[in-house]
Amino acid sequence: MILITGASGFIGSHLRDKLGDARLVSRKKIIGRNTFIINSLDSFVDWSLALEGVDCIVHLASVAHRSASLDELNEVNVLATTNLAIQAAKSGVKKIVYLSSIGVNGSNTQYGQTFSNLSDTAPWNPYSMSKMVAEKQLSAICLTNNIELAILRPPLVYGKAAPGNYSLLLKLIKKVRFLPFGLCDNKRSFISVYNLVDLIVFLCQTKNDVAGVFLPSDNEDVSTKQFLRAVSTSFSRKIIMVPMPKSLMKTIFSMAGKKNLYFQLFGDLVIEDLELVKLGWAPKYSMQQSLSKSK
């Protein structure tokens, strides 16, 4: 039996459609599904009933919004995760797939470089710091209790009903015809929710040892300009890329207090993972195929 936390979220809702017999963790009953209801995700949850008969956990639930306090990030992302892992070890769980973030490696790579599973960690904000601490806690517990731990650090995840930066970009494309990315020649890795879910299912079901840190992507590194054009094409929306100098855009974003957003849009973030290739997994859908599924 597989247990999915965060089953009502963006990734969780896609995943539960693929794993029909999984036990779902949610704050409310998911009609027609085996649901374990919790009032809140914290370090006080008693998981004993939810973990009965479970041999694999997919831990997606976390708090990610920018307004979260340090205490909330620590309670939900670190302490609640640690509590789940400790109880999982006692109940005999054999495998945990943990959704972390590429932010654990850093906010950007230098042009021509990549992040890999061998790269040093360099969390750049409170959220990514909390995910790194959770990774370390999980690793220690799983190592002691002989649990396979697969840590996933995906880049921006896009797809139908995606929140966060993808949602903002989609709203921008639908409302604004002229966008200032004409000179944006950066390189960024993305992953569609369809490829990410396919990977999670693979990790849950494979008989191979999946212990390790993995950096999944679509294996198609594109500029922000190219990505936005692909998104606009899939939604039949014509946009015009205005050739605004990057130095000017950096100044504008800095003056608006959005310096980090500038680097997310104009900086490089390229990842690769040869370990996934060794395991026998590759992205199932191209970026254009994924965008077509996102309408």
Protein backbone atom coordinates (compact mmCIF):
# COMPACT_ATOMS: atom_id res chain seq x y z
CA MET A 1 0.00 0.00 0.00
CA ILE A 2 1.22 3.50 -0.88
CA LEU A 3 0.43 6.50 1.32
CA ILE A 4 0.32 9.95 -0.35
CA THR A 5 0.49 13.10 1.75
CA GLY A 6 -0.63 16.34 0.13
CA ALA A 7 -3.09 14.32 -1.94
CA SER A 8 -5.40 17.29 -2.54
CA GLY A 9 -2.61 19.57 -3.78
CA PHE A 10 -1.45 20.29 -7.32
CA ILE A 11 0.98 17.37 -7.68
CA GLY A 12 -0.97 15.12 -5.34
CA SER A 13 -4.20 15.44 -7.31
CA HIS A 14 -2.38 14.34 -10.47
CA LEU A 15 -0.59 11.52 -8.67
CA ARG A 16 -3.68 10.05 -7.04
CA ASP A 17 -5.22 9.57 -10.49
CA LYS A 18 -2.24 7.38 -11.40
CA LEU A 19 -2.14 5.42 -8.15
CA GLY A 20 -5.78 4.46 -7.82
CA ASP A 21 -5.39 2.15 -4.82
CA ALA A 22 -3.24 4.48 -2.73
CA ARG A 23 -4.25 5.77 0.70
CA LEU A 24 -4.61 9.55 0.59
CA VAL A 25 -3.88 12.08 3.32
CA SER A 26 -6.04 15.19 3.22
CA ARG A 27 -7.80 17.72 5.42
CA LYS A 28 -11.13 16.61 3.94
CA LYS A 29 -12.65 13.43 2.58
CA ILE A 30 -11.82 12.74 -1.06
CA ILE A 31 -14.98 11.14 -2.40
CA GLY A 32 -14.60 7.54 -3.44
CA ARG A 33 -11.04 7.24 -2.13
CA ASN A 34 -9.32 5.73 0.88
CA THR A 35 -8.68 8.95 2.82
CA PHE A 36 -6.90 9.55 6.12
CA ILE A 37 -8.09 12.93 7.37
CA ILE A 38 -5.83 15.23 9.41
CA ASN A 39 -6.73 18.63 10.86
CA SER A 40 -3.29 20.04 10.17
CA LEU A 41 0.14 18.79 9.19
CA ASP A 42 2.31 19.20 12.27
CA SER A 43 4.60 17.29 14.60
CA PHE A 44 1.67 16.00 16.71
CA VAL A 45 -0.13 13.89 14.09
CA ASP A 46 -0.67 10.26 15.10
CA TRP A 47 0.00 8.31 11.90
CA SER A 48 -0.53 4.82 13.32
CA LEU A 49 -3.86 4.15 11.59
CA ALA A 50 -2.77 5.74 8.31
CA LEU A 51 0.38 3.62 8.20
CA GLU A 52 -1.32 0.25 8.66
CA GLY A 53 -0.31 -1.95 5.74
CA VAL A 54 1.75 0.83 4.12
CA ASP A 55 5.15 -0.05 2.66
CA CYS A 56 5.80 3.14 0.65
CA ILE A 57 5.17 6.80 1.45
CA VAL A 58 5.10 9.65 -1.07
CA HIS A 59 5.53 12.78 1.04
CA LEU A 60 4.38 15.79 -0.98
CA ALA A 61 2.76 17.91 1.73
CA SER A 62 4.59 21.05 2.81
CA VAL A 63 4.14 24.77 3.23
CA ALA A 64 5.72 26.83 0.47
CA HIS A 65 4.00 30.22 0.31
CA ARG A 66 6.17 33.27 0.84
CA SER A 67 4.14 34.57 3.78
CA ALA A 68 4.91 31.53 5.93
CA SER A 69 6.76 32.32 9.13
CA LEU A 70 10.00 30.62 10.09
CA ASP A 71 8.14 28.80 12.86
CA GLU A 72 5.53 27.52 10.39
CA LEU A 73 8.19 26.38 7.93
CA ASN A 74 10.02 24.55 10.69
CA GLU A 75 6.87 22.95 12.13
CA VAL A 76 5.38 21.76 8.83
CA ASN A 77 8.39 21.14 6.62
CA VAL A 78 10.85 19.85 9.21
CA LEU A 79 9.21 18.64 12.44
CA ALA A 80 6.08 17.17 10.84
CA THR A 81 8.22 15.37 8.26
CA THR A 82 10.51 14.00 10.97
CA ASN A 83 7.49 12.84 13.00
CA LEU A 84 6.08 11.00 9.98
CA ALA A 85 9.41 9.31 9.26
CA ILE A 86 9.89 8.16 12.85
CA GLN A 87 6.43 6.60 12.94
CA ALA A 88 6.95 5.12 9.47
CA ALA A 89 10.09 3.36 10.70
CA LYS A 90 8.18 1.89 13.65
CA SER A 91 5.40 0.63 11.36
CA GLY A 92 7.76 -1.13 8.94
CA VAL A 93 7.63 1.22 5.93
CA LYS A 94 10.29 0.19 3.39
CA LYS A 95 10.44 3.20 1.05
CA ILE A 96 9.89 6.98 1.20
CA VAL A 97 9.75 9.27 -1.84
CA TYR A 98 10.24 12.84 -0.61
CA LEU A 99 9.49 15.91 -2.71
CA SER A 100 12.09 18.55 -1.94
CA SER A 101 13.13 21.51 -4.14
CA ILE A 102 15.94 22.51 -6.47
CA GLY A 103 16.21 25.55 -4.21
CA VAL A 104 18.21 23.32 -1.87
CA ASN A 105 21.01 23.50 -4.45
CA GLY A 106 20.62 27.25 -4.99
CA SER A 107 18.65 29.86 -6.87
CA ASN A 108 20.71 29.85 -10.07
CA THR A 109 23.59 28.18 -11.85
CA GLN A 110 26.31 30.02 -13.71
CA TYR A 111 26.07 29.96 -17.50
CA GLY A 112 27.52 26.73 -18.83
CA GLN A 113 27.28 24.96 -15.47
CA THR A 114 24.65 22.60 -14.11
CA PHE A 115 23.26 21.33 -10.85
CA SER A 116 23.55 17.58 -10.34
CA ASN A 117 22.98 15.19 -7.47
CA LEU A 118 26.67 15.71 -6.65
CA SER A 119 26.41 19.50 -6.37
CA ASP A 120 26.84 21.19 -3.02
CA THR A 121 23.74 22.43 -1.24
CA ALA A 122 23.23 26.19 -1.06
CA PRO A 123 19.63 26.95 0.04
CA TRP A 124 18.84 30.55 -0.77
CA ASN A 125 15.66 31.33 1.19
CA PRO A 126 13.85 30.11 4.34
CA TYR A 127 11.72 27.65 2.36
CA SER A 128 14.66 25.92 0.68
CA MET A 129 16.54 25.93 3.98
CA SER A 130 13.64 24.11 5.65
CA LYS A 131 13.61 21.53 2.85
CA MET A 132 17.35 20.93 3.24
CA VAL A 133 17.00 20.42 6.99
CA ALA A 134 14.10 18.03 6.39
CA GLU A 135 16.24 16.09 3.89
CA LYS A 136 18.97 15.66 6.49
CA GLN A 137 16.55 14.54 9.19
CA LEU A 138 14.90 12.07 6.83
CA SER A 139 18.25 10.71 5.64
CA ALA A 140 19.39 10.02 9.20
CA ILE A 141 16.15 8.26 10.16
CA CYS A 142 15.98 6.20 6.97
CA LEU A 143 19.64 5.17 7.16
CA THR A 144 19.22 3.98 10.75
CA ASN A 145 16.05 2.05 9.95
CA ASN A 146 17.00 0.59 6.55
CA ILE A 147 14.37 2.58 4.64
CA GLU A 148 14.99 3.48 0.99
CA LEU A 149 14.79 7.26 0.67
CA ALA A 150 14.42 8.90 -2.74
CA ILE A 151 14.77 12.68 -2.51
CA LEU A 152 13.48 14.65 -5.51
CA ARG A 153 14.62 18.22 -6.16
CA PRO A 154 12.59 19.37 -9.16
CA PRO A 155 12.83 22.79 -10.83
CA LEU A 156 9.66 24.75 -11.65
CA VAL A 157 6.78 22.29 -12.10
CA TYR A 158 4.20 23.28 -14.71
CA GLY A 159 0.94 21.78 -15.86
CA LYS A 160 -2.81 22.11 -15.49
CA ALA A 161 -3.75 24.02 -12.31
CA ALA A 162 -0.11 24.66 -11.41
CA PRO A 163 0.33 27.33 -8.72
CA GLY A 164 3.25 29.67 -8.06
CA ASN A 165 5.40 31.23 -10.76
CA TYR A 166 3.87 29.19 -13.59
CA SER A 167 0.42 30.47 -12.69
CA LEU A 168 1.75 34.03 -12.67
CA LEU A 169 3.38 33.58 -16.09
CA LEU A 170 0.19 32.10 -17.50
CA LYS A 171 -1.87 35.05 -16.24
CA LEU A 172 0.70 37.42 -17.74
CA ILE A 173 0.48 35.73 -21.14
CA LYS A 174 -3.31 35.88 -21.11
CA LYS A 175 -3.45 39.57 -20.14
CA VAL A 176 -0.40 41.15 -21.78
CA ARG A 177 0.54 40.92 -25.43
CA PHE A 178 3.97 42.58 -25.19
CA LEU A 179 6.54 40.95 -22.89
CA PRO A 180 10.08 42.25 -22.15
CA PHE A 181 11.99 39.04 -22.83
CA GLY A 182 13.23 39.62 -26.38
CA LEU A 183 16.89 39.60 -25.30
CA CYS A 184 16.52 36.87 -22.70
CA ASP A 185 18.90 34.10 -23.78
CA ASN A 186 19.23 32.23 -20.49
CA LYS A 187 18.89 28.48 -19.98
CA ARG A 188 16.46 26.94 -17.53
CA SER A 189 15.26 23.44 -16.76
CA PHE A 190 11.58 22.71 -16.15
CA ILE A 191 9.52 19.62 -15.47
CA SER A 192 5.87 19.03 -16.24
CA VAL A 193 3.66 17.57 -13.55
CA TYR A 194 2.98 14.68 -15.94
CA ASN A 195 6.67 13.72 -16.10
CA LEU A 196 7.12 14.26 -12.36
CA VAL A 197 4.16 12.03 -11.53
CA ASP A 198 5.43 9.39 -13.95
CA LEU A 199 8.77 9.44 -12.13
CA ILE A 200 7.14 9.14 -8.70
CA VAL A 201 5.09 6.15 -9.85
CA PHE A 202 8.25 4.60 -11.28
CA LEU A 203 10.14 5.06 -8.00
CA CYS A 204 7.28 3.57 -6.02
CA GLN A 205 6.94 0.51 -8.21
CA THR A 206 10.48 -0.35 -9.31
CA LYS A 207 12.31 -3.20 -7.63
CA ASN A 208 15.61 -1.36 -8.01
CA ASP A 209 17.17 0.44 -5.05
CA VAL A 210 15.98 4.05 -5.34
CA ALA A 211 17.89 5.52 -2.40
CA GLY A 212 19.52 8.80 -3.37
CA VAL A 213 19.04 12.42 -4.41
CA PHE A 214 17.53 12.99 -7.85
CA LEU A 215 17.15 16.16 -9.93
CA PRO A 216 14.44 15.40 -12.50
CA SER A 217 13.55 17.59 -15.47
CA ASP A 218 12.01 17.40 -18.95
CA ASN A 219 15.57 17.22 -20.32
CA GLU A 220 14.78 20.27 -22.47
CA ASP A 221 16.67 23.36 -21.32
CA VAL A 222 15.16 26.53 -22.77
CA SER A 223 15.23 30.27 -22.17
CA THR A 224 12.41 32.03 -20.40
CA LYS A 225 11.59 33.57 -23.77
CA GLN A 226 11.34 30.16 -25.45
CA PHE A 227 9.28 28.74 -22.60
CA LEU A 228 6.80 31.61 -22.70
CA ARG A 229 6.46 31.27 -26.47
CA ALA A 230 5.78 27.56 -26.10
CA VAL A 231 3.14 28.24 -23.44
CA SER A 232 1.49 30.99 -25.49
CA THR A 233 1.43 28.75 -28.59
CA SER A 234 -0.25 25.93 -26.67
CA PHE A 235 -2.97 28.37 -25.56
CA SER A 236 -3.25 29.96 -29.04
CA ARG A 237 -2.18 33.31 -27.63
CA LYS A 238 0.02 35.55 -29.78
CA ILE A 239 2.65 37.51 -27.84
CA ILE A 240 5.43 39.85 -28.93
CA MET A 241 8.81 39.75 -27.22
CA VAL A 242 10.17 43.28 -26.75
CA PRO A 243 14.02 43.46 -26.81
CA MET A 244 14.54 45.13 -23.43
CA PRO A 245 18.18 45.23 -22.20
CA LYS A 246 18.71 42.86 -19.29
CA SER A 247 20.59 45.55 -17.35
CA LEU A 248 17.52 47.79 -17.54
CA MET A 249 15.22 44.95 -16.47
CA LYS A 250 17.49 44.17 -13.53
CA THR A 251 17.33 47.81 -12.42
CA ILE A 252 13.54 47.88 -12.75
CA PHE A 253 13.09 44.66 -10.77
CA SER A 254 15.55 45.83 -8.11
CA MET A 255 13.76 49.16 -7.69
CA ALA A 256 10.48 47.26 -7.31
CA GLY A 257 11.99 45.04 -4.62
CA LYS A 258 11.80 41.99 -6.89
CA LYS A 259 15.49 41.22 -7.39
CA ASN A 260 15.01 37.50 -6.74
CA LEU A 261 12.21 37.38 -9.33
CA TYR A 262 14.58 38.95 -11.87
CA PHE A 263 17.11 36.14 -11.38
CA GLN A 264 14.34 33.53 -11.63
CA LEU A 265 13.23 34.97 -14.97
CA PHE A 266 16.55 36.02 -16.52
CA GLY A 267 19.09 33.79 -14.77
CA ASP A 268 20.22 30.26 -15.59
CA LEU A 269 19.05 27.15 -13.75
CA VAL A 270 20.16 24.02 -15.54
CA ILE A 271 20.06 20.55 -13.99
CA GLU A 272 21.02 17.06 -15.08
CA ASP A 273 20.71 13.65 -13.49
CA LEU A 274 22.54 10.63 -14.84
CA GLU A 275 21.41 8.53 -11.87
CA LEU A 276 17.84 8.51 -13.17
CA VAL A 277 19.14 7.28 -16.51
CA LYS A 278 20.93 4.45 -14.70
CA LEU A 279 17.70 3.55 -12.92
CA GLY A 280 15.97 3.30 -16.29
CA TRP A 281 13.73 6.39 -16.17
CA ALA A 282 13.45 9.11 -18.80
CA PRO A 283 10.80 11.83 -19.31
CA LYS A 284 7.74 10.37 -20.97
CA TYR A 285 6.41 13.62 -22.44
CA SER A 286 8.12 16.40 -24.36
CA MET A 287 7.56 19.97 -23.19
CA GLN A 288 5.16 20.65 -26.06
CA GLN A 289 3.22 17.47 -25.33
CA SER A 290 2.97 18.44 -21.68
CA LEU A 291 1.78 21.94 -22.52
CA SER A 292 -0.86 20.46 -24.82
CA LYS A 293 -2.09 18.36 -21.89
CA SER A 294 -2.24 21.48 -19.70
CA LYS A 295 -5.04 23.28 -21.54
